[in-house]
């Protein structure tokens, strides 16, 4: 359905074009020589030949064609001023979730972090419109990338991390690393070991990851939250040192702030039944999260389903319609008229 957003612009533009044309005609007539003073001559003798008469007729036809093309182009320009539009009807959906990937990079968890990174990469492939951030921690934390919906950048960062961590999966891998590779890993871990005699402070790391989410520092209430928030915590839950927050305390804080925390175990398979692992499972599940180990064959799908189940803030508007500018065919017609006029004008010059 064709619609004019500014229909009043057509008569205004047409009137302005007529006024400009009339002014140009008047100025041209006013600036001409006085007929009484003009020298007159007869060109009939020059047109008596067949060639002369044919060229004169051709010149008159080309002039009429040029004038007609200019008039049509001017009329289309007036149409453009009215902004031709059409109805754009579509279903719109916007995701309103923030997800932070929270990774333990302490010595006990680092050899298994590449598998966790690959799990994160699989998670990103399932998301559409969510904002994603990533933080790594040991005794202190470092933000790898803040909340963003630039999935190309996220995938690039995760790919680089996966390539770096491939060199620390075993002692043999570490022994085979070049100085340059070792330095690259050290640079990636920079900022995560700023406290002496302390590693893998999991509760502190979780709080730092939660601080990346809007509103955590002053508390979030369910009534004023505009976005859902989730944290995917990957750790082996082996603490060495005295943390500011225990994992239980950190989970209590995130739960109070309405931030869901899911857990991924990053450690050797033989440790999945250890007390620390079972304690982490209990705490995560007590606060409504999903706890997964590498032994879970469908871990990525299970985690994605868990996050999708919390999709309470997605907005769906079916059948939303709006007027959008549609100059397509009008633009083509104007371009064709201008091109034809240029061709006629070139022919007249010859």
Protein backbone atom coordinates (compact mmCIF):
# COMPACT_ATOMS: atom_id res chain seq x y z
CA UNK A 1 0.00 0.00 0.00
CA UNK A 2 1.47 3.32 -1.11
CA UNK A 3 1.41 6.12 1.41
CA UNK A 4 2.72 9.68 1.43
CA UNK A 5 4.19 10.75 4.75
CA UNK A 6 4.32 14.44 3.74
CA UNK A 7 1.56 14.82 1.08
CA UNK A 8 1.46 18.57 1.59
CA UNK A 9 5.03 18.77 0.28
CA UNK A 10 3.90 17.99 -3.32
CA UNK A 11 1.91 21.22 -3.96
CA UNK A 12 4.53 23.27 -2.10
CA UNK A 13 7.38 21.83 -4.18
CA UNK A 14 5.38 22.22 -7.40
CA UNK A 15 4.56 25.85 -6.59
CA UNK A 16 8.21 26.57 -5.79
CA UNK A 17 9.32 24.97 -9.08
CA UNK A 18 6.79 27.03 -11.04
CA UNK A 19 7.89 30.21 -9.30
CA UNK A 20 11.54 29.53 -10.06
CA UNK A 21 10.70 28.75 -13.70
CA UNK A 22 8.67 31.94 -14.06
CA UNK A 23 11.45 34.00 -12.52
CA UNK A 24 14.02 32.48 -14.86
CA UNK A 25 11.78 33.19 -17.90
CA UNK A 26 11.24 36.81 -16.79
CA UNK A 27 14.94 37.41 -16.20
CA UNK A 28 15.77 35.96 -19.58
CA UNK A 29 13.16 38.12 -21.35
CA UNK A 30 14.20 41.24 -19.42
CA UNK A 31 17.85 40.83 -20.27
CA UNK A 32 17.27 40.46 -24.04
CA UNK A 33 18.05 43.11 -26.66
CA UNK A 34 15.45 45.58 -27.87
CA UNK A 35 13.85 44.16 -31.06
CA UNK A 36 13.97 47.60 -32.64
CA UNK A 37 17.74 47.71 -32.32
CA UNK A 38 18.29 44.11 -33.35
CA UNK A 39 19.74 43.22 -36.67
CA UNK A 40 17.42 40.91 -38.64
CA UNK A 41 18.26 38.37 -41.28
CA UNK A 42 16.46 35.57 -43.04
CA UNK A 43 17.72 32.00 -42.64
CA UNK A 44 15.17 30.49 -45.05
CA UNK A 45 17.82 30.33 -47.72
CA UNK A 46 19.96 28.17 -45.40
CA UNK A 47 17.07 25.78 -44.73
CA UNK A 48 15.93 25.33 -48.30
CA UNK A 49 18.18 22.35 -48.73
CA UNK A 50 16.94 18.89 -47.68
CA UNK A 51 19.79 18.42 -45.18
CA UNK A 52 19.19 21.77 -43.54
CA UNK A 53 15.46 21.15 -43.15
CA UNK A 54 16.08 17.66 -41.66
CA UNK A 55 18.60 18.99 -39.12
CA UNK A 56 16.23 21.77 -38.09
CA UNK A 57 13.40 19.30 -37.47
CA UNK A 58 15.74 17.05 -35.49
CA UNK A 59 16.94 19.98 -33.37
CA UNK A 60 13.34 20.97 -32.55
CA UNK A 61 12.41 17.38 -31.58
CA UNK A 62 15.43 17.08 -29.31
CA UNK A 63 14.61 20.38 -27.62
CA UNK A 64 11.04 19.26 -26.98
CA UNK A 65 12.29 15.90 -25.61
CA UNK A 66 14.76 17.64 -23.31
CA UNK A 67 12.06 19.96 -22.00
CA UNK A 68 9.70 17.02 -21.41
CA UNK A 69 12.39 15.05 -19.55
CA UNK A 70 13.19 18.03 -17.34
CA UNK A 71 9.50 18.50 -16.56
CA UNK A 72 9.07 14.81 -15.63
CA UNK A 73 12.22 14.82 -13.49
CA UNK A 74 10.95 17.92 -11.71
CA UNK A 75 7.59 16.24 -11.07
CA UNK A 76 9.34 13.17 -9.60
CA UNK A 77 11.45 15.44 -7.40
CA UNK A 78 8.22 16.92 -6.04
CA UNK A 79 7.02 13.36 -5.35
CA UNK A 80 10.22 12.62 -3.42
CA UNK A 81 9.54 15.62 -1.21
CA UNK A 82 6.33 13.89 -0.04
CA UNK A 83 8.31 10.80 1.15
CA UNK A 84 6.63 7.75 -0.43
CA UNK A 85 6.30 4.98 2.19
CA UNK A 86 4.95 1.48 2.67
CA UNK A 87 3.81 -0.64 5.60
CA UNK A 88 6.51 -2.79 7.19
CA UNK A 89 4.87 -5.56 9.23
CA UNK A 90 7.09 -7.93 11.20
CA UNK A 91 7.39 -9.87 14.42
CA UNK A 92 9.91 -8.35 16.78
CA UNK A 93 11.68 -10.07 19.61
CA UNK A 94 14.35 -8.68 21.92
CA UNK A 95 16.42 -10.67 24.39
CA UNK A 96 17.03 -8.92 27.70
CA UNK A 97 19.54 -11.15 29.44
CA UNK A 98 23.08 -10.56 30.66
CA UNK A 99 25.38 -13.57 31.00
CA UNK A 100 28.84 -13.49 32.59
CA UNK A 101 31.30 -16.31 31.98
CA UNK A 102 33.31 -16.66 35.20
CA UNK A 103 36.48 -18.80 34.92
CA UNK A 104 38.87 -20.03 37.63
CA UNK A 105 42.44 -19.85 36.27
CA UNK A 106 44.29 -21.10 39.35
CA UNK A 107 46.99 -23.73 38.96
CA UNK A 108 44.68 -26.64 39.81
CA UNK A 109 41.98 -25.58 37.33
CA UNK A 110 44.12 -24.14 34.51
CA UNK A 111 44.89 -27.48 32.77
CA UNK A 112 41.15 -28.05 32.31
CA UNK A 113 40.15 -24.52 31.41
CA UNK A 114 40.51 -25.07 27.67
CA UNK A 115 37.64 -27.59 27.79
CA UNK A 116 35.59 -25.04 29.72
CA UNK A 117 36.43 -22.35 27.14
CA UNK A 118 35.24 -24.69 24.40
CA UNK A 119 32.00 -25.17 26.38
CA UNK A 120 31.65 -21.40 26.54
CA UNK A 121 32.13 -21.24 22.77
CA UNK A 122 29.30 -23.74 22.34
CA UNK A 123 27.10 -21.67 24.64
CA UNK A 124 27.70 -18.51 22.62
CA UNK A 125 26.52 -20.34 19.51
CA UNK A 126 23.08 -20.78 21.12
CA UNK A 127 22.55 -17.13 22.10
CA UNK A 128 20.61 -14.53 20.10
CA UNK A 129 20.57 -10.96 21.40
CA UNK A 130 21.95 -11.63 24.88
CA UNK A 131 24.83 -9.57 26.25
CA UNK A 132 27.85 -11.65 27.28
CA UNK A 133 30.87 -10.78 29.41
CA UNK A 134 33.83 -12.79 30.69
CA UNK A 135 36.03 -12.56 33.78
CA UNK A 136 38.90 -14.78 34.95
CA UNK A 137 40.08 -15.05 38.55
CA UNK A 138 42.67 -16.58 40.83
CA UNK A 139 43.42 -14.56 43.95
CA UNK A 140 42.14 -11.48 42.11
CA UNK A 141 40.03 -11.00 38.99
CA UNK A 142 40.47 -9.57 35.52
CA UNK A 143 37.78 -8.71 32.98
CA UNK A 144 38.54 -10.34 29.63
CA UNK A 145 35.70 -8.51 27.89
CA UNK A 146 32.73 -6.58 29.34
CA UNK A 147 29.07 -7.23 28.62
CA UNK A 148 28.52 -7.04 24.88
CA UNK A 149 26.34 -8.44 22.11
CA UNK A 150 29.21 -8.34 19.61
CA UNK A 151 29.36 -12.11 19.13
CA UNK A 152 32.13 -11.86 16.53
CA UNK A 153 34.38 -10.23 19.14
CA UNK A 154 33.30 -12.75 21.80
CA UNK A 155 34.08 -15.69 19.53
CA UNK A 156 37.44 -14.17 18.61
CA UNK A 157 38.38 -13.72 22.27
CA UNK A 158 37.33 -17.28 23.14
CA UNK A 159 39.22 -18.69 20.16
CA UNK A 160 42.38 -16.88 21.25
CA UNK A 161 41.96 -18.11 24.83
CA UNK A 162 41.43 -21.70 23.64
CA UNK A 163 44.58 -21.55 21.52
CA UNK A 164 46.64 -20.17 24.43
CA UNK A 165 45.37 -22.69 26.98
CA UNK A 166 46.14 -25.61 24.68
CA UNK A 167 49.74 -25.26 25.83
CA UNK A 168 49.01 -25.78 29.55
CA UNK A 169 46.85 -28.92 29.52
CA UNK A 170 49.68 -31.11 30.78
CA UNK A 171 53.22 -30.82 32.10
CA UNK A 172 54.56 -32.10 28.77
CA UNK A 173 52.67 -29.29 26.99
CA UNK A 174 54.19 -26.75 29.35
CA UNK A 175 57.69 -28.17 28.84
CA UNK A 176 57.28 -27.90 25.06
CA UNK A 177 56.19 -24.25 25.16
CA UNK A 178 58.45 -21.64 23.63
CA UNK A 179 59.37 -18.51 25.55
CA UNK A 180 56.97 -16.54 23.35
CA UNK A 181 54.07 -18.91 24.07
CA UNK A 182 54.82 -18.86 27.79
CA UNK A 183 54.82 -15.06 27.75
CA UNK A 184 51.49 -14.99 25.92
CA UNK A 185 49.88 -17.18 28.58
CA UNK A 186 51.41 -15.03 31.33
CA UNK A 187 50.07 -11.88 29.67
CA UNK A 188 46.58 -13.41 29.43
CA UNK A 189 46.67 -14.31 33.16
CA UNK A 190 48.06 -10.92 34.21
CA UNK A 191 46.06 -9.32 37.02
CA UNK A 192 44.71 -12.54 38.48
CA UNK A 193 47.45 -13.21 41.05
CA UNK A 194 47.88 -9.95 42.97
CA UNK A 195 47.49 -11.40 46.48
CA UNK A 196 50.35 -13.32 48.07
CA UNK A 197 49.88 -16.75 49.60
CA UNK A 198 46.37 -17.09 48.16
CA UNK A 199 44.99 -18.81 45.08
CA UNK A 200 41.59 -19.81 43.76
CA UNK A 201 39.55 -17.48 45.97
CA UNK A 202 36.30 -18.68 44.45
CA UNK A 203 33.85 -16.61 46.48
CA UNK A 204 35.78 -13.42 45.71
CA UNK A 205 35.94 -14.36 42.04
CA UNK A 206 32.19 -14.91 41.89
CA UNK A 207 31.50 -11.54 43.52
CA UNK A 208 33.82 -9.85 41.01
CA UNK A 209 31.95 -11.51 38.15
CA UNK A 210 28.61 -10.40 39.65
CA UNK A 211 29.94 -6.84 39.85
CA UNK A 212 30.02 -6.79 36.04
CA UNK A 213 26.21 -6.95 36.03
CA UNK A 214 24.25 -3.68 36.20
CA UNK A 215 22.81 -2.92 39.61
CA UNK A 216 24.68 -5.55 41.64
CA UNK A 217 26.66 -3.06 43.73
CA UNK A 218 23.52 -1.38 45.11
CA UNK A 219 21.24 -4.43 45.04
CA UNK A 220 18.67 -5.49 42.47
CA UNK A 221 15.00 -5.97 43.24
CA UNK A 222 12.67 -8.08 41.12
CA UNK A 223 10.35 -5.12 40.62
CA UNK A 224 12.88 -2.77 39.01
CA UNK A 225 15.04 -5.20 37.03
CA UNK A 226 14.97 -4.59 33.29
CA UNK A 227 17.23 -7.54 32.38
CA UNK A 228 17.69 -11.09 33.64
CA UNK A 229 21.19 -11.93 34.84
CA UNK A 230 23.12 -15.21 34.84
CA UNK A 231 26.64 -16.29 35.73
CA UNK A 232 28.30 -19.47 34.46
CA UNK A 233 30.92 -20.30 37.10
CA UNK A 234 33.69 -22.75 36.15
CA UNK A 235 35.97 -23.89 38.99
CA UNK A 236 37.21 -26.98 40.83
CA UNK A 237 36.27 -25.38 44.19
CA UNK A 238 39.77 -25.91 45.62
CA UNK A 239 40.51 -22.86 47.77
CA UNK A 240 43.98 -21.96 49.03
CA UNK A 241 44.07 -18.93 51.30
CA UNK A 242 41.56 -16.82 53.16
CA UNK A 243 38.91 -15.30 50.88
CA UNK A 244 36.88 -12.21 51.66
CA UNK A 245 33.74 -14.15 50.69
CA UNK A 246 33.17 -17.87 50.82
CA UNK A 247 31.34 -19.49 47.95
CA UNK A 248 28.26 -19.83 50.14
CA UNK A 249 28.34 -16.13 51.03
CA UNK A 250 28.91 -15.12 47.42
CA UNK A 251 25.98 -17.27 46.27
CA UNK A 252 23.79 -15.72 48.94
CA UNK A 253 24.68 -12.26 47.59
CA UNK A 254 23.97 -13.18 43.98
CA UNK A 255 20.72 -14.87 44.97
CA UNK A 256 19.63 -11.76 46.86
CA UNK A 257 20.42 -9.71 43.76
CA UNK A 258 18.33 -12.09 41.62
CA UNK A 259 21.36 -13.31 39.68
CA UNK A 260 21.23 -16.98 38.69
CA UNK A 261 24.50 -18.92 39.01
CA UNK A 262 25.18 -22.17 37.17
CA UNK A 263 28.29 -24.24 37.81
CA UNK A 264 30.75 -26.10 35.60
CA UNK A 265 33.32 -28.35 37.29
CA UNK A 266 36.80 -27.67 35.89
CA UNK A 267 39.06 -30.34 37.30
CA UNK A 268 40.16 -33.96 36.83
CA UNK A 269 37.42 -36.56 36.42
CA UNK A 270 38.72 -38.50 39.41
CA UNK A 271 37.95 -35.48 41.60
CA UNK A 272 34.30 -35.23 40.62
CA UNK A 273 33.29 -37.25 43.67
CA UNK A 274 35.47 -35.28 46.13
CA UNK A 275 33.98 -33.41 49.05
CA UNK A 276 34.84 -29.99 47.53
CA UNK A 277 33.06 -30.90 44.30
CA UNK A 278 29.98 -32.21 46.07
CA UNK A 279 29.91 -29.11 48.27
CA UNK A 280 29.93 -26.92 45.16
CA UNK A 281 27.12 -28.96 43.63
CA UNK A 282 25.04 -28.64 46.81
CA UNK A 283 25.54 -24.88 47.07
CA UNK A 284 24.83 -24.22 43.38
CA UNK A 285 21.67 -26.33 43.35
CA UNK A 286 20.50 -24.93 46.69
CA UNK A 287 20.39 -21.49 45.08
CA UNK A 288 18.49 -22.72 42.03
CA UNK A 289 21.42 -23.24 39.66
CA UNK A 290 22.48 -26.16 37.49
CA UNK A 291 25.74 -27.97 38.30
CA UNK A 292 27.48 -29.90 35.51
CA UNK A 293 30.65 -31.91 35.19
CA UNK A 294 32.66 -32.92 32.16
CA UNK A 295 31.20 -36.40 32.52
CA UNK A 296 27.76 -35.04 31.61
CA UNK A 297 27.44 -35.84 27.92
CA UNK A 298 24.79 -33.19 27.31
CA UNK A 299 26.31 -30.52 29.54
CA UNK A 300 26.06 -27.67 27.05
CA UNK A 301 22.46 -28.45 26.12
CA UNK A 302 21.50 -28.80 29.78
CA UNK A 303 23.08 -25.46 30.65
CA UNK A 304 21.46 -23.73 27.69
CA UNK A 305 18.06 -25.12 28.71
CA UNK A 306 18.65 -23.87 32.24
CA UNK A 307 19.43 -20.35 31.04
CA UNK A 308 16.53 -20.37 28.56
CA UNK A 309 14.14 -21.39 31.36
CA UNK A 310 14.87 -18.06 33.06
CA UNK A 311 13.85 -16.06 30.00
CA UNK A 312 11.29 -13.92 31.81
CA UNK A 313 12.20 -10.58 30.29
CA UNK A 314 12.08 -11.38 26.58
CA UNK A 315 9.69 -9.05 24.80
CA UNK A 316 7.64 -10.39 21.91
CA UNK A 317 5.49 -8.09 19.79
CA UNK A 318 3.68 -10.01 17.05
CA UNK A 319 2.32 -8.18 14.04
CA UNK A 320 3.94 -4.83 14.76
CA UNK A 321 3.57 -2.51 11.77
CA UNK A 322 5.27 0.75 10.90
CA UNK A 323 5.56 3.10 7.94
CA UNK A 324 8.99 2.95 6.29
CA UNK A 325 10.33 5.08 3.45
CA UNK A 326 10.08 3.27 0.10
CA UNK A 327 11.79 5.40 -2.57
CA UNK A 328 13.01 2.36 -4.53
CA UNK A 329 11.18 2.50 -7.89
CA UNK A 330 10.82 6.27 -7.71
CA UNK A 331 14.60 6.58 -7.40
CA UNK A 332 15.10 4.32 -10.42
CA UNK A 333 12.63 6.35 -12.47
CA UNK A 334 14.31 9.65 -11.57
CA UNK A 335 17.75 8.23 -12.39
CA UNK A 336 16.45 7.03 -15.77
CA UNK A 337 14.96 10.45 -16.59
CA UNK A 338 18.15 12.30 -15.63
CA UNK A 339 20.22 9.85 -17.68
CA UNK A 340 17.96 10.29 -20.70
CA UNK A 341 18.13 14.11 -20.36
CA UNK A 342 21.94 14.01 -20.25
CA UNK A 343 21.96 11.91 -23.41
CA UNK A 344 19.64 14.34 -25.22
CA UNK A 345 21.65 17.34 -24.01
CA UNK A 346 24.84 15.74 -25.29
CA UNK A 347 23.19 15.12 -28.66
CA UNK A 348 22.05 18.75 -28.85
CA UNK A 349 25.60 20.00 -28.25
CA UNK A 350 26.69 18.05 -31.29
